[in-house]
Amino acid sequence: ERLTRLINDMLYLARADRGLLRPAQERIDLAVEIDALFEFFDAWA
């Protein structure tokens, strides 16, 4: 799993460097997104 994460992260950065990633344009409520992430990290924290 560690190898998989490492390879996936490297591929992600390679795509970003080559301009292959195109971010969508949608309205984002950052407070809602942060609260959702807190729920995900709550057990570890």
PDB file of all heavy atoms in Angstrom:
ATOM      1  N   GLU A   1       0.841  -1.207   0.000  1.00  0.00           N
ATOM      2  CA  GLU A   1       0.000   0.000   0.000  1.00  0.00           C
ATOM      3  C   GLU A   1       0.872   1.252   0.000  1.00  0.00           C
ATOM      4  O   GLU A   1       0.550   2.254  -0.650  1.00  0.00           O
ATOM      5  CB  GLU A   1      -0.917  -0.018   1.213  1.00  0.00           C
ATOM      6  CG  GLU A   1      -2.013  -1.082   1.123  1.00  0.00           C
ATOM      7  CD  GLU A   1      -2.865  -1.136   2.378  1.00  0.00           C
ATOM      8  OE1 GLU A   1      -2.476  -0.465   3.382  1.00  0.00           O
ATOM      9  OE2 GLU A   1      -3.895  -1.826   2.372  1.00  0.00           O
ATOM     10  N   ARG A   2       1.973   1.209   0.745  1.00  0.00           N
ATOM     11  CA  ARG A   2       2.885   2.359   0.758  1.00  0.00           C
ATOM     12  C   ARG A   2       3.481   2.579  -0.626  1.00  0.00           C
ATOM     13  O   ARG A   2       3.573   3.718  -1.103  1.00  0.00           O
ATOM     14  CB  ARG A   2       3.981   2.127   1.789  1.00  0.00           C
ATOM     15  CG  ARG A   2       4.971   3.279   1.883  1.00  0.00           C
ATOM     16  CD  ARG A   2       6.019   2.989   2.938  1.00  0.00           C
ATOM     17  NE  ARG A   2       7.025   4.045   2.981  1.00  0.00           N
ATOM     18  CZ  ARG A   2       8.105   4.014   3.748  1.00  0.00           C
ATOM     19  NH1 ARG A   2       8.309   2.969   4.545  1.00  0.00           N
ATOM     20  NH2 ARG A   2       8.959   5.005   3.735  1.00  0.00           N
ATOM     21  N   LEU A   3       3.876   1.484  -1.279  1.00  0.00           N
ATOM     22  CA  LEU A   3       4.398   1.604  -2.638  1.00  0.00           C
ATOM     23  C   LEU A   3       3.338   2.160  -3.587  1.00  0.00           C
ATOM     24  O   LEU A   3       3.626   2.984  -4.459  1.00  0.00           O
ATOM     25  CB  LEU A   3       4.886   0.241  -3.137  1.00  0.00           C
ATOM     26  CG  LEU A   3       6.249  -0.238  -2.631  1.00  0.00           C
ATOM     27  CD1 LEU A   3       6.498  -1.672  -3.066  1.00  0.00           C
ATOM     28  CD2 LEU A   3       7.353   0.670  -3.148  1.00  0.00           C
ATOM     29  N   THR A   4       2.113   1.697  -3.416  1.00  0.00           N
ATOM     30  CA  THR A   4       1.026   2.176  -4.280  1.00  0.00           C
ATOM     31  C   THR A   4       0.794   3.667  -4.105  1.00  0.00           C
ATOM     32  O   THR A   4       0.636   4.413  -5.083  1.00  0.00           O
ATOM     33  CB  THR A   4      -0.265   1.402  -3.973  1.00  0.00           C
ATOM     34  OG1 THR A   4      -0.046   0.000  -4.197  1.00  0.00           O
ATOM     35  CG2 THR A   4      -1.407   1.867  -4.869  1.00  0.00           C
ATOM     36  N   ARG A   5       0.780   4.122  -2.822  1.00  0.00           N
ATOM     37  CA  ARG A   5       0.597   5.559  -2.580  1.00  0.00           C
ATOM     38  C   ARG A   5       1.742   6.359  -3.180  1.00  0.00           C
ATOM     39  O   ARG A   5       1.534   7.423  -3.772  1.00  0.00           O
ATOM     40  CB  ARG A   5       0.504   5.819  -1.066  1.00  0.00           C
ATOM     41  CG  ARG A   5      -0.784   5.361  -0.436  1.00  0.00           C
ATOM     42  CD  ARG A   5      -0.956   5.964   0.954  1.00  0.00           C
ATOM     43  NE  ARG A   5       0.157   5.634   1.841  1.00  0.00           N
ATOM     44  CZ  ARG A   5       0.209   4.540   2.597  1.00  0.00           C
ATOM     45  NH1 ARG A   5      -0.785   3.668   2.584  1.00  0.00           N
ATOM     46  NH2 ARG A   5       1.249   4.322   3.385  1.00  0.00           N
ATOM     47  N   LEU A   6       2.962   5.846  -3.016  1.00  0.00           N
ATOM     48  CA  LEU A   6       4.115   6.564  -3.550  1.00  0.00           C
ATOM     49  C   LEU A   6       4.040   6.676  -5.066  1.00  0.00           C
ATOM     50  O   LEU A   6       4.243   7.754  -5.639  1.00  0.00           O
ATOM     51  CB  LEU A   6       5.399   5.840  -3.133  1.00  0.00           C
ATOM     52  CG  LEU A   6       6.715   6.419  -3.671  1.00  0.00           C
ATOM     53  CD1 LEU A   6       6.913   7.845  -3.169  1.00  0.00           C
ATOM     54  CD2 LEU A   6       7.900   5.546  -3.254  1.00  0.00           C
ATOM     55  N   ILE A   7       3.727   5.588  -5.720  1.00  0.00           N
ATOM     56  CA  ILE A   7       3.640   5.602  -7.188  1.00  0.00           C
ATOM     57  C   ILE A   7       2.505   6.494  -7.652  1.00  0.00           C
ATOM     58  O   ILE A   7       2.639   7.264  -8.614  1.00  0.00           O
ATOM     59  CB  ILE A   7       3.488   4.158  -7.715  1.00  0.00           C
ATOM     60  CG1 ILE A   7       4.768   3.360  -7.437  1.00  0.00           C
ATOM     61  CG2 ILE A   7       3.181   4.156  -9.207  1.00  0.00           C
ATOM     62  CD1 ILE A   7       4.642   1.880  -7.739  1.00  0.00           C
ATOM     63  N   ASN A   8       1.355   6.418  -6.982  1.00  0.00           N
ATOM     64  CA  ASN A   8       0.222   7.262  -7.367  1.00  0.00           C
ATOM     65  C   ASN A   8       0.552   8.746  -7.191  1.00  0.00           C
ATOM     66  O   ASN A   8       0.192   9.581  -8.039  1.00  0.00           O
ATOM     67  CB  ASN A   8      -1.012   6.896  -6.539  1.00  0.00           C
ATOM     68  CG  ASN A   8      -1.603   5.564  -6.947  1.00  0.00           C
ATOM     69  OD1 ASN A   8      -1.383   5.095  -8.071  1.00  0.00           O
ATOM     70  ND2 ASN A   8      -2.354   4.930  -6.041  1.00  0.00           N
ATOM     71  N   ASP A   9       1.234   9.078  -6.096  1.00  0.00           N
ATOM     72  CA  ASP A   9       1.602  10.477  -5.876  1.00  0.00           C
ATOM     73  C   ASP A   9       2.593  10.956  -6.939  1.00  0.00           C
ATOM     74  O   ASP A   9       2.506  12.095  -7.435  1.00  0.00           O
ATOM     75  CB  ASP A   9       2.218  10.653  -4.487  1.00  0.00           C
ATOM     76  CG  ASP A   9       1.169  10.544  -3.381  1.00  0.00           C
ATOM     77  OD1 ASP A   9      -0.031  10.583  -3.716  1.00  0.00           O
ATOM     78  OD2 ASP A   9       1.562  10.428  -2.207  1.00  0.00           O
ATOM     79  N   MET A  10       3.541  10.102  -7.287  1.00  0.00           N
ATOM     80  CA  MET A  10       4.499  10.480  -8.324  1.00  0.00           C
ATOM     81  C   MET A  10       3.802  10.681  -9.668  1.00  0.00           C
ATOM     82  O   MET A  10       4.098  11.629 -10.402  1.00  0.00           O
ATOM     83  CB  MET A  10       5.592   9.409  -8.446  1.00  0.00           C
ATOM     84  CG  MET A  10       6.544   9.365  -7.241  1.00  0.00           C
ATOM     85  SD  MET A  10       7.627   7.926  -7.278  1.00  0.00           S
ATOM     86  CE  MET A  10       8.428   8.177  -8.860  1.00  0.00           C
ATOM     87  N   LEU A  11       2.872   9.803 -10.006  1.00  0.00           N
ATOM     88  CA  LEU A  11       2.121   9.956 -11.256  1.00  0.00           C
ATOM     89  C   LEU A  11       1.276  11.229 -11.238  1.00  0.00           C
ATOM     90  O   LEU A  11       1.147  11.927 -12.247  1.00  0.00           O
ATOM     91  CB  LEU A  11       1.235   8.729 -11.491  1.00  0.00           C
ATOM     92  CG  LEU A  11       1.975   7.427 -11.831  1.00  0.00           C
ATOM     93  CD1 LEU A  11       0.987   6.269 -11.927  1.00  0.00           C
ATOM     94  CD2 LEU A  11       2.725   7.587 -13.166  1.00  0.00           C
ATOM     95  N   TYR A  12       0.712  11.540 -10.073  1.00  0.00           N
ATOM     96  CA  TYR A  12      -0.105  12.754  -9.955  1.00  0.00           C
ATOM     97  C   TYR A  12       0.742  14.002 -10.209  1.00  0.00           C
ATOM     98  O   TYR A  12       0.348  14.911 -10.954  1.00  0.00           O
ATOM     99  CB  TYR A  12      -0.729  12.796  -8.567  1.00  0.00           C
ATOM    100  CG  TYR A  12      -1.779  13.872  -8.391  1.00  0.00           C
ATOM    101  CD1 TYR A  12      -3.106  13.621  -8.695  1.00  0.00           C
ATOM    102  CD2 TYR A  12      -1.432  15.143  -7.932  1.00  0.00           C
ATOM    103  CE1 TYR A  12      -4.073  14.596  -8.534  1.00  0.00           C
ATOM    104  CE2 TYR A  12      -2.390  16.129  -7.768  1.00  0.00           C
ATOM    105  CZ  TYR A  12      -3.709  15.849  -8.068  1.00  0.00           C
ATOM    106  OH  TYR A  12      -4.652  16.819  -7.922  1.00  0.00           O
ATOM    107  N   LEU A  13       1.922  14.039  -9.600  1.00  0.00           N
ATOM    108  CA  LEU A  13       2.813  15.184  -9.804  1.00  0.00           C
ATOM    109  C   LEU A  13       3.303  15.251 -11.239  1.00  0.00           C
ATOM    110  O   LEU A  13       3.451  16.353 -11.802  1.00  0.00           O
ATOM    111  CB  LEU A  13       3.999  15.095  -8.840  1.00  0.00           C
ATOM    112  CG  LEU A  13       3.684  15.380  -7.375  1.00  0.00           C
ATOM    113  CD1 LEU A  13       4.894  15.091  -6.503  1.00  0.00           C
ATOM    114  CD2 LEU A  13       3.238  16.826  -7.190  1.00  0.00           C
ATOM    115  N   ALA A  14       3.572  14.104 -11.851  1.00  0.00           N
ATOM    116  CA  ALA A  14       4.014  14.104 -13.244  1.00  0.00           C
ATOM    117  C   ALA A  14       2.926  14.657 -14.157  1.00  0.00           C
ATOM    118  O   ALA A  14       3.197  15.438 -15.076  1.00  0.00           O
ATOM    119  CB  ALA A  14       4.397  12.685 -13.670  1.00  0.00           C
ATOM    120  N   ARG A  15       1.687  14.296 -13.909  1.00  0.00           N
ATOM    121  CA  ARG A  15       0.575  14.833 -14.704  1.00  0.00           C
ATOM    122  C   ARG A  15       0.413  16.327 -14.473  1.00  0.00           C
ATOM    123  O   ARG A  15       0.119  17.084 -15.410  1.00  0.00           O
ATOM    124  CB  ARG A  15      -0.717  14.099 -14.348  1.00  0.00           C
ATOM    125  CG  ARG A  15      -0.735  12.625 -14.743  1.00  0.00           C
ATOM    126  CD  ARG A  15      -2.014  11.967 -14.301  1.00  0.00           C
ATOM    127  NE  ARG A  15      -3.163  12.596 -14.956  1.00  0.00           N
ATOM    128  CZ  ARG A  15      -4.428  12.431 -14.561  1.00  0.00           C
ATOM    129  NH1 ARG A  15      -4.686  11.703 -13.476  1.00  0.00           N
ATOM    130  NH2 ARG A  15      -5.405  13.014 -15.217  1.00  0.00           N
ATOM    131  N   ALA A  16       0.615  16.766 -13.228  1.00  0.00           N
ATOM    132  CA  ALA A  16       0.522  18.207 -12.942  1.00  0.00           C
ATOM    133  C   ALA A  16       1.631  18.971 -13.653  1.00  0.00           C
ATOM    134  O   ALA A  16       1.406  20.051 -14.214  1.00  0.00           O
ATOM    135  CB  ALA A  16       0.586  18.448 -11.438  1.00  0.00           C
ATOM    136  N   ASP A  17       2.856  18.412 -13.646  1.00  0.00           N
ATOM    137  CA  ASP A  17       3.971  19.090 -14.310  1.00  0.00           C
ATOM    138  C   ASP A  17       3.735  19.204 -15.809  1.00  0.00           C
ATOM    139  O   ASP A  17       4.149  20.187 -16.435  1.00  0.00           O
ATOM    140  CB  ASP A  17       5.272  18.332 -14.048  1.00  0.00           C
ATOM    141  CG  ASP A  17       5.729  18.469 -12.593  1.00  0.00           C
ATOM    142  OD1 ASP A  17       5.239  19.396 -11.925  1.00  0.00           O
ATOM    143  OD2 ASP A  17       6.557  17.648 -12.157  1.00  0.00           O
ATOM    144  N   ARG A  18       3.109  18.227 -16.421  1.00  0.00           N
ATOM    145  CA  ARG A  18       2.887  18.234 -17.868  1.00  0.00           C
ATOM    146  C   ARG A  18       1.604  18.950 -18.254  1.00  0.00           C
ATOM    147  O   ARG A  18       1.251  18.996 -19.431  1.00  0.00           O
ATOM    148  CB  ARG A  18       2.847  16.791 -18.392  1.00  0.00           C
ATOM    149  CG  ARG A  18       4.157  16.033 -18.217  1.00  0.00           C
ATOM    150  CD  ARG A  18       4.049  14.621 -18.728  1.00  0.00           C
ATOM    151  NE  ARG A  18       3.701  14.599 -20.150  1.00  0.00           N
ATOM    152  CZ  ARG A  18       3.406  13.497 -20.833  1.00  0.00           C
ATOM    153  NH1 ARG A  18       3.415  12.321 -20.205  1.00  0.00           N
ATOM    154  NH2 ARG A  18       3.109  13.557 -22.114  1.00  0.00           N
ATOM    155  N   GLY A  19       0.902  19.519 -17.271  1.00  0.00           N
ATOM    156  CA  GLY A  19      -0.309  20.265 -17.581  1.00  0.00           C
ATOM    157  C   GLY A  19      -1.482  19.397 -17.965  1.00  0.00           C
ATOM    158  O   GLY A  19      -2.392  19.860 -18.669  1.00  0.00           O
ATOM    159  N   LEU A  20      -1.471  18.135 -17.518  1.00  0.00           N
ATOM    160  CA  LEU A  20      -2.560  17.230 -17.873  1.00  0.00           C
ATOM    161  C   LEU A  20      -3.730  17.311 -16.903  1.00  0.00           C
ATOM    162  O   LEU A  20      -4.787  16.733 -17.169  1.00  0.00           O
ATOM    163  CB  LEU A  20      -2.039  15.783 -17.927  1.00  0.00           C
ATOM    164  CG  LEU A  20      -0.934  15.514 -18.962  1.00  0.00           C
ATOM    165  CD1 LEU A  20      -0.499  14.060 -18.896  1.00  0.00           C
ATOM    166  CD2 LEU A  20      -1.421  15.860 -20.362  1.00  0.00           C
ATOM    167  N   LEU A  21      -3.541  18.003 -15.773  1.00  0.00           N
ATOM    168  CA  LEU A  21      -4.625  18.161 -14.806  1.00  0.00           C
ATOM    169  C   LEU A  21      -5.356  19.470 -15.056  1.00  0.00           C
ATOM    170  O   LEU A  21      -4.737  20.526 -15.131  1.00  0.00           O
ATOM    171  CB  LEU A  21      -4.068  18.131 -13.377  1.00  0.00           C
ATOM    172  CG  LEU A  21      -3.382  16.828 -12.941  1.00  0.00           C
ATOM    173  CD1 LEU A  21      -2.882  16.951 -11.510  1.00  0.00           C
ATOM    174  CD2 LEU A  21      -4.345  15.656 -13.055  1.00  0.00           C
ATOM    175  N   ARG A  22      -6.640  19.404 -15.217  1.00  0.00           N
ATOM    176  CA  ARG A  22      -7.454  20.586 -15.456  1.00  0.00           C
ATOM    177  C   ARG A  22      -8.490  20.697 -14.338  1.00  0.00           C
ATOM    178  O   ARG A  22      -9.455  19.918 -14.297  1.00  0.00           O
ATOM    179  CB  ARG A  22      -8.172  20.495 -16.814  1.00  0.00           C
ATOM    180  CG  ARG A  22      -7.230  20.506 -18.007  1.00  0.00           C
ATOM    181  CD  ARG A  22      -6.654  21.900 -18.203  1.00  0.00           C
ATOM    182  NE  ARG A  22      -5.871  21.994 -19.426  1.00  0.00           N
ATOM    183  CZ  ARG A  22      -4.599  21.716 -19.530  1.00  0.00           C
ATOM    184  NH1 ARG A  22      -3.939  21.300 -18.447  1.00  0.00           N
ATOM    185  NH2 ARG A  22      -3.954  21.827 -20.667  1.00  0.00           N
ATOM    186  N   PRO A  23      -8.296  21.626 -13.401  1.00  0.00           N
ATOM    187  CA  PRO A  23      -9.256  21.736 -12.299  1.00  0.00           C
ATOM    188  C   PRO A  23     -10.624  22.195 -12.783  1.00  0.00           C
ATOM    189  O   PRO A  23     -10.739  23.036 -13.688  1.00  0.00           O
ATOM    190  CB  PRO A  23      -8.618  22.774 -11.369  1.00  0.00           C
ATOM    191  CG  PRO A  23      -7.704  23.563 -12.251  1.00  0.00           C
ATOM    192  CD  PRO A  23      -7.218  22.616 -13.294  1.00  0.00           C
ATOM    193  N   ALA A  24     -11.648  21.601 -12.188  1.00  0.00           N
ATOM    194  CA  ALA A  24     -13.011  22.038 -12.488  1.00  0.00           C
ATOM    195  C   ALA A  24     -13.270  23.390 -11.841  1.00  0.00           C
ATOM    196  O   ALA A  24     -12.509  23.852 -10.975  1.00  0.00           O
ATOM    197  CB  ALA A  24     -14.007  20.997 -11.982  1.00  0.00           C
ATOM    198  N   GLN A  25     -14.363  24.032 -12.252  1.00  0.00           N
ATOM    199  CA  GLN A  25     -14.732  25.327 -11.704  1.00  0.00           C
ATOM    200  C   GLN A  25     -16.124  25.211 -11.079  1.00  0.00           C
ATOM    201  O   GLN A  25     -17.145  25.307 -11.761  1.00  0.00           O
ATOM    202  CB  GLN A  25     -14.716  26.411 -12.793  1.00  0.00           C
ATOM    203  CG  GLN A  25     -13.344  26.725 -13.339  1.00  0.00           C
ATOM    204  CD  GLN A  25     -12.425  27.313 -12.289  1.00  0.00           C
ATOM    205  OE1 GLN A  25     -12.795  28.245 -11.582  1.00  0.00           O
ATOM    206  NE2 GLN A  25     -11.228  26.749 -12.168  1.00  0.00           N
ATOM    207  N   GLU A  26     -16.135  24.945  -9.786  1.00  0.00           N
ATOM    208  CA  GLU A  26     -17.387  24.829  -9.050  1.00  0.00           C
ATOM    209  C   GLU A  26     -17.262  25.607  -7.749  1.00  0.00           C
ATOM    210  O   GLU A  26     -16.157  25.797  -7.227  1.00  0.00           O
ATOM    211  CB  GLU A  26     -17.696  23.360  -8.766  1.00  0.00           C
ATOM    212  CG  GLU A  26     -16.556  22.616  -8.070  1.00  0.00           C
ATOM    213  CD  GLU A  26     -16.852  21.139  -7.912  1.00  0.00           C
ATOM    214  OE1 GLU A  26     -18.013  20.813  -7.618  1.00  0.00           O
ATOM    215  OE2 GLU A  26     -15.928  20.325  -8.074  1.00  0.00           O
ATOM    216  N   ARG A  27     -18.422  26.043  -7.252  1.00  0.00           N
ATOM    217  CA  ARG A  27     -18.386  26.808  -6.006  1.00  0.00           C
ATOM    218  C   ARG A  27     -18.099  25.870  -4.848  1.00  0.00           C
ATOM    219  O   ARG A  27     -18.712  24.804  -4.715  1.00  0.00           O
ATOM    220  CB  ARG A  27     -19.708  27.532  -5.778  1.00  0.00           C
ATOM    221  CG  ARG A  27     -19.648  28.503  -4.599  1.00  0.00           C
ATOM    222  CD  ARG A  27     -20.967  29.224  -4.395  1.00  0.00           C
ATOM    223  NE  ARG A  27     -20.830  30.236  -3.344  1.00  0.00           N
ATOM    224  CZ  ARG A  27     -20.870  29.973  -2.050  1.00  0.00           C
ATOM    225  NH1 ARG A  27     -21.026  28.738  -1.627  1.00  0.00           N
ATOM    226  NH2 ARG A  27     -20.759  30.956  -1.162  1.00  0.00           N
ATOM    227  N   ILE A  28     -17.125  26.249  -4.019  1.00  0.00           N
ATOM    228  CA  ILE A  28     -16.700  25.402  -2.900  1.00  0.00           C
ATOM    229  C   ILE A  28     -16.877  26.170  -1.606  1.00  0.00           C
ATOM    230  O   ILE A  28     -16.321  27.264  -1.444  1.00  0.00           O
ATOM    231  CB  ILE A  28     -15.221  24.983  -3.062  1.00  0.00           C
ATOM    232  CG1 ILE A  28     -14.987  24.296  -4.404  1.00  0.00           C
ATOM    233  CG2 ILE A  28     -14.808  24.073  -1.919  1.00  0.00           C
ATOM    234  CD1 ILE A  28     -13.535  24.022  -4.695  1.00  0.00           C
ATOM    235  N   ASP A  29     -17.635  25.594  -0.678  1.00  0.00           N
ATOM    236  CA  ASP A  29     -17.732  26.131   0.676  1.00  0.00           C
ATOM    237  C   ASP A  29     -16.610  25.492   1.475  1.00  0.00           C
ATOM    238  O   ASP A  29     -16.671  24.312   1.846  1.00  0.00           O
ATOM    239  CB  ASP A  29     -19.100  25.798   1.272  1.00  0.00           C
ATOM    240  CG  ASP A  29     -19.328  26.512   2.603  1.00  0.00           C
ATOM    241  OD1 ASP A  29     -18.317  26.835   3.278  1.00  0.00           O
ATOM    242  OD2 ASP A  29     -20.482  26.745   2.961  1.00  0.00           O
ATOM    243  N   LEU A  30     -15.564  26.223   1.732  1.00  0.00           N
ATOM    244  CA  LEU A  30     -14.384  25.664   2.384  1.00  0.00           C
ATOM    245  C   LEU A  30     -14.679  25.200   3.806  1.00  0.00           C
ATOM    246  O   LEU A  30     -14.068  24.234   4.287  1.00  0.00           O
ATOM    247  CB  LEU A  30     -13.260  26.707   2.385  1.00  0.00           C
ATOM    248  CG  LEU A  30     -12.722  27.089   0.989  1.00  0.00           C
ATOM    249  CD1 LEU A  30     -11.696  28.207   1.110  1.00  0.00           C
ATOM    250  CD2 LEU A  30     -12.097  25.865   0.316  1.00  0.00           C
ATOM    251  N   ALA A  31     -15.596  25.844   4.500  1.00  0.00           N
ATOM    252  CA  ALA A  31     -15.942  25.419   5.869  1.00  0.00           C
ATOM    253  C   ALA A  31     -16.534  24.020   5.850  1.00  0.00           C
ATOM    254  O   ALA A  31     -16.211  23.166   6.705  1.00  0.00           O
ATOM    255  CB  ALA A  31     -16.907  26.415   6.500  1.00  0.00           C
ATOM    256  N   VAL A  32     -17.403  23.746   4.876  1.00  0.00           N
ATOM    257  CA  VAL A  32     -18.017  22.414   4.775  1.00  0.00           C
ATOM    258  C   VAL A  32     -16.952  21.367   4.487  1.00  0.00           C
ATOM    259  O   VAL A  32     -16.944  20.272   5.057  1.00  0.00           O
ATOM    260  CB  VAL A  32     -19.104  22.424   3.681  1.00  0.00           C
ATOM    261  CG1 VAL A  32     -19.634  21.003   3.450  1.00  0.00           C
ATOM    262  CG2 VAL A  32     -20.243  23.342   4.076  1.00  0.00           C
ATOM    263  N   GLU A  33     -16.007  21.699   3.586  1.00  0.00           N
ATOM    264  CA  GLU A  33     -14.953  20.749   3.239  1.00  0.00           C
ATOM    265  C   GLU A  33     -14.042  20.467   4.433  1.00  0.00           C
ATOM    266  O   GLU A  33     -13.656  19.312   4.681  1.00  0.00           O
ATOM    267  CB  GLU A  33     -14.127  21.295   2.065  1.00  0.00           C
ATOM    268  CG  GLU A  33     -14.899  21.500   0.786  1.00  0.00           C
ATOM    269  CD  GLU A  33     -15.416  20.186   0.209  1.00  0.00           C
ATOM    270  OE1 GLU A  33     -14.809  19.130   0.479  1.00  0.00           O
ATOM    271  OE2 GLU A  33     -16.421  20.224  -0.522  1.00  0.00           O
ATOM    272  N   ILE A  34     -13.688  21.492   5.185  1.00  0.00           N
ATOM    273  CA  ILE A  34     -12.820  21.288   6.347  1.00  0.00           C
ATOM    274  C   ILE A  34     -13.525  20.442   7.411  1.00  0.00           C
ATOM    275  O   ILE A  34     -12.917  19.539   8.032  1.00  0.00           O
ATOM    276  CB  ILE A  34     -12.368  22.640   6.928  1.00  0.00           C
ATOM    277  CG1 ILE A  34     -11.516  23.404   5.898  1.00  0.00           C
ATOM    278  CG2 ILE A  34     -11.606  22.444   8.220  1.00  0.00           C
ATOM    279  CD1 ILE A  34     -10.259  22.676   5.484  1.00  0.00           C
ATOM    280  N   ASP A  35     -14.808  20.708   7.636  1.00  0.00           N
ATOM    281  CA  ASP A  35     -15.553  19.921   8.629  1.00  0.00           C
ATOM    282  C   ASP A  35     -15.610  18.453   8.220  1.00  0.00           C
ATOM    283  O   ASP A  35     -15.503  17.547   9.065  1.00  0.00           O
ATOM    284  CB  ASP A  35     -16.963  20.477   8.789  1.00  0.00           C
ATOM    285  CG  ASP A  35     -16.971  21.844   9.483  1.00  0.00           C
ATOM    286  OD1 ASP A  35     -15.941  22.176  10.124  1.00  0.00           O
ATOM    287  OD2 ASP A  35     -17.976  22.565   9.373  1.00  0.00           O
ATOM    288  N   ALA A  36     -15.774  18.194   6.922  1.00  0.00           N
ATOM    289  CA  ALA A  36     -15.790  16.805   6.447  1.00  0.00           C
ATOM    290  C   ALA A  36     -14.442  16.135   6.664  1.00  0.00           C
ATOM    291  O   ALA A  36     -14.373  14.953   7.044  1.00  0.00           O
ATOM    292  CB  ALA A  36     -16.178  16.773   4.968  1.00  0.00           C
ATOM    293  N   LEU A  37     -13.366  16.861   6.458  1.00  0.00           N
ATOM    294  CA  LEU A  37     -12.030  16.309   6.694  1.00  0.00           C
ATOM    295  C   LEU A  37     -11.796  16.057   8.178  1.00  0.00           C
ATOM    296  O   LEU A  37     -11.121  15.081   8.559  1.00  0.00           O
ATOM    297  CB  LEU A  37     -10.965  17.258   6.136  1.00  0.00           C
ATOM    298  CG  LEU A  37     -10.887  17.354   4.604  1.00  0.00           C
ATOM    299  CD1 LEU A  37      -9.887  18.423   4.180  1.00  0.00           C
ATOM    300  CD2 LEU A  37     -10.469  16.002   4.002  1.00  0.00           C
ATOM    301  N   PHE A  38     -12.324  16.916   9.031  1.00  0.00           N
ATOM    302  CA  PHE A  38     -12.186  16.697  10.478  1.00  0.00           C
ATOM    303  C   PHE A  38     -12.845  15.380  10.880  1.00  0.00           C
ATOM    304  O   PHE A  38     -12.315  14.634  11.731  1.00  0.00           O
ATOM    305  CB  PHE A  38     -12.814  17.847  11.249  1.00  0.00           C
ATOM    306  CG  PHE A  38     -11.914  19.065  11.351  1.00  0.00           C
ATOM    307  CD1 PHE A  38     -12.368  20.236  11.950  1.00  0.00           C
ATOM    308  CD2 PHE A  38     -10.623  19.035  10.872  1.00  0.00           C
ATOM    309  CE1 PHE A  38     -11.553  21.356  12.059  1.00  0.00           C
ATOM    310  CE2 PHE A  38      -9.800  20.143  10.982  1.00  0.00           C
ATOM    311  CZ  PHE A  38     -10.258  21.300  11.563  1.00  0.00           C
ATOM    312  N   GLU A  39     -13.985  15.075  10.287  1.00  0.00           N
ATOM    313  CA  GLU A  39     -14.644  13.812  10.588  1.00  0.00           C
ATOM    314  C   GLU A  39     -13.776  12.634  10.160  1.00  0.00           C
ATOM    315  O   GLU A  39     -13.718  11.606  10.843  1.00  0.00           O
ATOM    316  CB  GLU A  39     -16.003  13.749   9.890  1.00  0.00           C
ATOM    317  CG  GLU A  39     -17.013  14.750  10.424  1.00  0.00           C
ATOM    318  CD  GLU A  39     -18.355  14.635   9.712  1.00  0.00           C
ATOM    319  OE1 GLU A  39     -18.501  13.713   8.869  1.00  0.00           O
ATOM    320  OE2 GLU A  39     -19.242  15.458   9.988  1.00  0.00           O
ATOM    321  N   PHE A  40     -13.068  12.813   9.023  1.00  0.00           N
ATOM    322  CA  PHE A  40     -12.216  11.724   8.524  1.00  0.00           C
ATOM    323  C   PHE A  40     -11.013  11.504   9.442  1.00  0.00           C
ATOM    324  O   PHE A  40     -10.607  10.365   9.712  1.00  0.00           O
ATOM    325  CB  PHE A  40     -11.758  12.058   7.103  1.00  0.00           C
ATOM    326  CG  PHE A  40     -10.828  11.047   6.511  1.00  0.00           C
ATOM    327  CD1 PHE A  40     -11.303   9.867   5.984  1.00  0.00           C
ATOM    328  CD2 PHE A  40      -9.453  11.273   6.488  1.00  0.00           C
ATOM    329  CE1 PHE A  40     -10.434   8.916   5.436  1.00  0.00           C
ATOM    330  CE2 PHE A  40      -8.576  10.342   5.946  1.00  0.00           C
ATOM    331  CZ  PHE A  40      -9.076   9.157   5.423  1.00  0.00           C
ATOM    332  N   PHE A  41     -10.409  12.614   9.940  1.00  0.00           N
ATOM    333  CA  PHE A  41      -9.220  12.506  10.786  1.00  0.00           C
ATOM    334  C   PHE A  41      -9.547  12.419  12.282  1.00  0.00           C
ATOM    335  O   PHE A  41      -8.623  12.364  13.104  1.00  0.00           O
ATOM    336  CB  PHE A  41      -8.305  13.724  10.561  1.00  0.00           C
ATOM    337  CG  PHE A  41      -7.595  13.720   9.247  1.00  0.00           C
ATOM    338  CD1 PHE A  41      -8.006  14.563   8.228  1.00  0.00           C
ATOM    339  CD2 PHE A  41      -6.517  12.880   9.016  1.00  0.00           C
ATOM    340  CE1 PHE A  41      -7.354  14.584   7.019  1.00  0.00           C
ATOM    341  CE2 PHE A  41      -5.857  12.891   7.811  1.00  0.00           C
ATOM    342  CZ  PHE A  41      -6.273  13.738   6.797  1.00  0.00           C
ATOM    343  N   ASP A  42     -10.806  12.398  12.613  1.00  0.00           N
ATOM    344  CA  ASP A  42     -11.194  12.488  14.028  1.00  0.00           C
ATOM    345  C   ASP A  42     -10.644  11.316  14.850  1.00  0.00           C
ATOM    346  O   ASP A  42     -10.126  11.515  15.957  1.00  0.00           O
ATOM    347  CB  ASP A  42     -12.722  12.544  14.145  1.00  0.00           C
ATOM    348  CG  ASP A  42     -13.159  12.748  15.583  1.00  0.00           C
ATOM    349  OD1 ASP A  42     -12.841  13.809  16.156  1.00  0.00           O
ATOM    350  OD2 ASP A  42     -13.794  11.828  16.135  1.00  0.00           O
ATOM    351  N   ALA A  43     -10.733  10.088  14.319  1.00  0.00           N
ATOM    352  CA  ALA A  43     -10.274   8.917  15.086  1.00  0.00           C
ATOM    353  C   ALA A  43      -8.769   8.993  15.330  1.00  0.00           C
ATOM    354  O   ALA A  43      -8.298   8.723  16.459  1.00  0.00           O
ATOM    355  CB  ALA A  43     -10.642   7.636  14.336  1.00  0.00           C
ATOM    356  N   TRP A  44      -8.019   9.342  14.301  1.00  0.00           N
ATOM    357  CA  TRP A  44      -6.563   9.431  14.460  1.00  0.00           C
ATOM    358  C   TRP A  44      -6.190  10.537  15.440  1.00  0.00           C
ATOM    359  O   TRP A  44      -5.337  10.367  16.316  1.00  0.00           O
ATOM    360  CB  TRP A  44      -5.932   9.667  13.084  1.00  0.00           C
ATOM    361  CG  TRP A  44      -4.427   9.747  13.091  1.00  0.00           C
ATOM    362  CD1 TRP A  44      -3.585   9.135  13.975  1.00  0.00           C
ATOM    363  CD2 TRP A  44      -3.600  10.483  12.185  1.00  0.00           C
ATOM    364  NE1 TRP A  44      -2.278   9.426  13.684  1.00  0.00           N
ATOM    365  CE2 TRP A  44      -2.262  10.257  12.570  1.00  0.00           C
ATOM    366  CE3 TRP A  44      -3.857  11.294  11.095  1.00  0.00           C
ATOM    367  CZ2 TRP A  44      -1.194  10.833  11.903  1.00  0.00           C
ATOM    368  CZ3 TRP A  44      -2.801  11.848  10.409  1.00  0.00           C
ATOM    369  CH2 TRP A  44      -1.472  11.633  10.814  1.00  0.00           C
ATOM    370  N   ALA A  45      -6.859  11.698  15.315  1.00  0.00           N
ATOM    371  CA  ALA A  45      -6.570  12.812  16.210  1.00  0.00           C
ATOM    372  C   ALA A  45      -6.950  12.467  17.645  1.00  0.00           C
ATOM    373  O   ALA A  45      -6.225  12.793  18.606  1.00  0.00           O
ATOM    374  CB  ALA A  45      -7.312  14.057  15.749  1.00  0.00           C
TER     375      ALA A  45
END
